Amino acid sequence: MRVEDPLPGPGDPVSSYQTTSLFVRSLVSSLTALVNGIAGVAGMAPADFPASDGPPVSPAALLDGLREDYTQRNYLWTGNIDASLYDPGCVFTDPTLSFKGLETFQRNVANLRPILNKVVPDGACDLFSIEMDEGTLEVCAKWRMFGTLRLPWRPRLDLTGRTNFRFDPARGGRVVDYREQWDISAADALLQLVRAGEVVK
């Protein structure tokens, strides 16, 4: 079922890695490195990650699998993706981070997941639309993620955005470039985490 799309239309401004300030990008990169440094000792070994090789992925299977990442695996909060849909050298970019490698993505998620499970146990995601464009070799998803953090001031993160997944038939039809954009600036998204939310009685 397709939900009404609340996002700006094509050409309207959204935040991207290129438009995010160096300060914000450096802050998030430093926090990510800190989490990885603390949790990395107990992190997953490369052998623990699902292999992404195998038979080629058809466009229909790719679309279905990416849809399930949102609707069944709640991956925007859990990081739980179907790794078989991604090329090992996939580049992952959002408005605050950009790095190469499926294994790097999985390590970051494995180290961050215990924190998210404790702080945002009820984080949710709405998938507004997900469409395949075989002409440009891209899948475009539009979504909303939201949840209240279990912190004393009860901040609430509520973010809408879009993700473009570029796939390459020469690489087994798998995603080689993941590019996420938000409809507010990265700085405004981070500010949501320090603002007081609902009052707990």
Protein backbone atom coordinates (compact mmCIF):
# COMPACT_ATOMS: atom_id res chain seq x y z
CA MET A 1 0.00 0.00 0.00
CA ARG A 2 1.33 3.43 -0.87
CA VAL A 3 1.05 6.18 1.75
CA GLU A 4 0.61 9.84 0.83
CA ASP A 5 4.02 11.32 0.06
CA PRO A 6 4.71 14.35 2.30
CA LEU A 7 8.13 15.17 0.92
CA PRO A 8 9.12 18.12 -1.25
CA GLY A 9 8.85 17.58 -4.97
CA PRO A 10 11.76 17.06 -7.36
CA GLY A 11 14.22 19.91 -7.20
CA ASP A 12 13.19 21.04 -3.73
CA PRO A 13 16.10 21.36 -1.30
CA VAL A 14 17.03 18.42 0.91
CA SER A 15 20.15 17.94 2.97
CA SER A 16 22.94 15.78 1.61
CA TYR A 17 26.50 14.97 2.54
CA GLN A 18 27.71 17.79 0.29
CA THR A 19 25.47 20.41 1.92
CA THR A 20 26.20 19.41 5.53
CA SER A 21 28.77 21.55 7.34
CA LEU A 22 32.22 20.15 7.99
CA PHE A 23 31.66 20.67 11.72
CA VAL A 24 28.55 18.45 11.79
CA ARG A 25 30.16 15.79 9.60
CA SER A 26 33.28 15.79 11.82
CA LEU A 27 31.15 15.56 14.97
CA VAL A 28 29.19 12.55 13.73
CA SER A 29 32.34 10.90 12.38
CA SER A 30 34.05 11.34 15.76
CA LEU A 31 31.06 9.91 17.65
CA THR A 32 30.93 6.94 15.27
CA ALA A 33 34.63 6.30 15.78
CA LEU A 34 34.15 6.53 19.56
CA VAL A 35 31.32 3.97 19.53
CA ASN A 36 33.34 1.67 17.27
CA GLY A 37 36.39 2.08 19.50
CA ILE A 38 34.45 1.14 22.63
CA ALA A 39 32.32 -1.63 21.16
CA GLY A 40 34.67 -2.79 18.44
CA VAL A 41 36.53 -5.12 20.77
CA ALA A 42 33.39 -7.20 21.06
CA GLY A 43 32.25 -6.46 17.52
CA MET A 44 31.52 -8.99 14.85
CA ALA A 45 34.31 -10.72 13.01
CA PRO A 46 34.27 -10.66 9.20
CA ALA A 47 33.27 -14.33 9.14
CA ASP A 48 30.09 -13.46 11.08
CA PHE A 49 28.75 -11.25 8.31
CA PRO A 50 26.46 -12.78 5.68
CA ALA A 51 28.16 -13.18 2.32
CA SER A 52 26.93 -10.92 -0.45
CA ASP A 53 28.08 -13.07 -3.33
CA GLY A 54 25.84 -15.59 -5.01
CA PRO A 55 23.53 -15.63 -8.01
CA PRO A 56 22.63 -12.32 -9.66
CA VAL A 57 19.77 -10.33 -8.16
CA SER A 58 16.94 -9.48 -10.55
CA PRO A 59 15.50 -5.94 -10.50
CA ALA A 60 12.20 -7.32 -9.14
CA ALA A 61 13.97 -9.22 -6.34
CA LEU A 62 16.04 -6.14 -5.52
CA LEU A 63 12.95 -3.96 -5.26
CA ASP A 64 11.15 -6.51 -3.10
CA GLY A 65 14.16 -6.99 -0.84
CA LEU A 66 14.72 -3.27 -0.32
CA ARG A 67 11.03 -2.82 0.45
CA GLU A 68 11.27 -5.55 3.10
CA ASP A 69 14.27 -3.81 4.65
CA TYR A 70 11.91 -0.95 5.48
CA THR A 71 8.63 -2.74 6.15
CA GLN A 72 9.82 -5.93 7.87
CA ARG A 73 13.34 -5.30 9.16
CA ASN A 74 12.86 -1.62 10.19
CA TYR A 75 16.40 -1.10 8.99
CA LEU A 76 16.50 2.68 9.47
CA TRP A 77 16.56 1.94 13.19
CA THR A 78 17.97 -1.58 13.33
CA GLY A 79 20.46 -1.43 10.46
CA ASN A 80 19.23 -4.91 9.58
CA ILE A 81 19.51 -5.08 5.80
CA ASP A 82 19.45 -7.98 3.37
CA ALA A 83 23.20 -8.01 2.76
CA SER A 84 22.82 -10.19 -0.35
CA LEU A 85 21.38 -7.13 -2.16
CA TYR A 86 24.58 -5.09 -1.71
CA ASP A 87 27.93 -5.24 -3.44
CA PRO A 88 30.87 -5.68 -1.00
CA GLY A 89 32.32 -2.38 -2.26
CA CYS A 90 29.08 -0.40 -1.96
CA VAL A 91 29.49 3.26 -0.98
CA PHE A 92 27.13 4.35 1.84
CA THR A 93 26.40 8.07 2.15
CA ASP A 94 23.96 10.03 4.30
CA PRO A 95 24.06 13.74 5.22
CA THR A 96 26.60 13.10 8.01
CA LEU A 97 28.78 10.15 6.92
CA SER A 98 30.21 8.60 3.79
CA PHE A 99 32.25 5.41 3.64
CA LYS A 100 32.92 2.45 1.40
CA GLY A 101 32.28 -1.19 2.15
CA LEU A 102 29.38 -3.41 3.15
CA GLU A 103 31.50 -4.85 5.94
CA THR A 104 32.15 -1.35 7.32
CA PHE A 105 28.40 -0.67 7.32
CA GLN A 106 27.74 -3.93 9.15
CA ARG A 107 30.46 -3.27 11.73
CA ASN A 108 29.09 0.22 12.43
CA VAL A 109 25.59 -1.18 12.85
CA ALA A 110 26.73 -4.09 15.03
CA ASN A 111 28.49 -1.68 17.39
CA LEU A 112 25.61 0.84 17.46
CA ARG A 113 22.70 -1.61 17.71
CA PRO A 114 22.95 -2.30 21.49
CA ILE A 115 22.72 1.44 22.15
CA LEU A 116 19.75 1.92 19.83
CA ASN A 117 17.94 -1.11 21.26
CA LYS A 118 18.21 0.39 24.73
CA VAL A 119 17.63 4.05 23.93
CA VAL A 120 15.03 3.76 21.14
CA PRO A 121 13.31 0.38 21.59
CA ASP A 122 10.16 1.54 19.77
CA GLY A 123 11.68 3.39 16.81
CA ALA A 124 9.40 3.10 13.79
CA CYS A 125 9.54 3.71 10.05
CA ASP A 126 6.90 4.56 7.46
CA LEU A 127 7.67 3.74 3.85
CA PHE A 128 5.81 6.28 1.70
CA SER A 129 6.95 4.92 -1.66
CA ILE A 130 9.62 2.80 -3.27
CA GLU A 131 10.05 2.71 -7.04
CA MET A 132 12.39 1.12 -9.54
CA ASP A 133 13.81 3.02 -12.52
CA GLU A 134 15.59 0.51 -14.72
CA GLY A 135 16.58 3.31 -17.09
CA THR A 136 18.78 5.00 -14.49
CA LEU A 137 19.49 1.73 -12.62
CA GLU A 138 18.13 3.17 -9.38
CA VAL A 139 15.58 2.41 -6.73
CA CYS A 140 14.22 5.48 -4.92
CA ALA A 141 12.56 5.15 -1.52
CA LYS A 142 10.79 7.92 0.41
CA TRP A 143 10.31 7.36 4.11
CA ARG A 144 9.83 8.66 7.62
CA MET A 145 11.61 7.46 10.77
CA PHE A 146 10.47 8.51 14.21
CA GLY A 147 10.81 7.56 17.85
CA THR A 148 11.18 8.91 21.36
CA LEU A 149 14.54 8.33 23.03
CA ARG A 150 14.70 6.90 26.53
CA LEU A 151 16.72 9.78 27.91
CA PRO A 152 15.76 12.02 30.85
CA TRP A 153 14.62 14.86 28.58
CA ARG A 154 12.69 12.50 26.24
CA PRO A 155 13.85 13.91 22.90
CA ARG A 156 11.92 12.80 19.83
CA LEU A 157 13.52 12.18 16.47
CA ASP A 158 11.16 12.66 13.54
CA LEU A 159 12.84 12.67 10.17
CA THR A 160 11.64 12.27 6.59
CA GLY A 161 13.91 11.66 3.67
CA ARG A 162 14.69 9.71 0.57
CA THR A 163 17.26 7.10 -0.34
CA ASN A 164 18.57 6.31 -3.81
CA PHE A 165 20.00 2.83 -4.32
CA ARG A 166 22.05 2.61 -7.53
CA PHE A 167 22.57 -0.94 -8.74
CA ASP A 168 24.92 -2.37 -11.33
CA PRO A 169 23.99 -5.33 -13.56
CA ALA A 170 27.72 -5.96 -14.05
CA ARG A 171 28.01 -6.45 -10.26
CA GLY A 172 25.28 -9.05 -10.01
CA GLY A 173 22.49 -6.48 -10.00
CA ARG A 174 23.49 -5.45 -6.48
CA VAL A 175 23.49 -1.98 -4.91
CA VAL A 176 26.82 -0.23 -5.47
CA ASP A 177 25.86 3.23 -4.23
CA TYR A 178 23.53 4.08 -1.33
CA ARG A 179 22.71 7.78 -1.06
CA GLU A 180 20.41 9.12 1.68
CA GLN A 181 19.03 12.66 1.87
CA TRP A 182 16.88 14.31 4.51
CA ASP A 183 14.28 17.06 4.17
CA ILE A 184 15.83 19.04 7.06
CA SER A 185 19.46 19.92 7.61
CA ALA A 186 21.69 17.48 9.44
CA ALA A 187 22.23 20.14 12.12
CA ASP A 188 18.47 20.43 12.68
CA ALA A 189 18.20 16.64 12.88
CA LEU A 190 20.91 16.54 15.55
CA LEU A 191 19.22 19.37 17.45
CA GLN A 192 16.15 17.16 17.84
CA LEU A 193 18.28 14.94 20.06
CA VAL A 194 18.94 17.71 22.60
CA ARG A 195 15.46 19.25 22.70
CA ALA A 196 13.09 18.24 25.47
CA GLY A 197 10.22 16.11 24.28
CA GLU A 198 7.16 14.72 26.00
CA VAL A 199 6.89 15.05 29.76
CA VAL A 200 7.04 11.75 31.64
CA LYS A 201 4.65 11.64 34.64
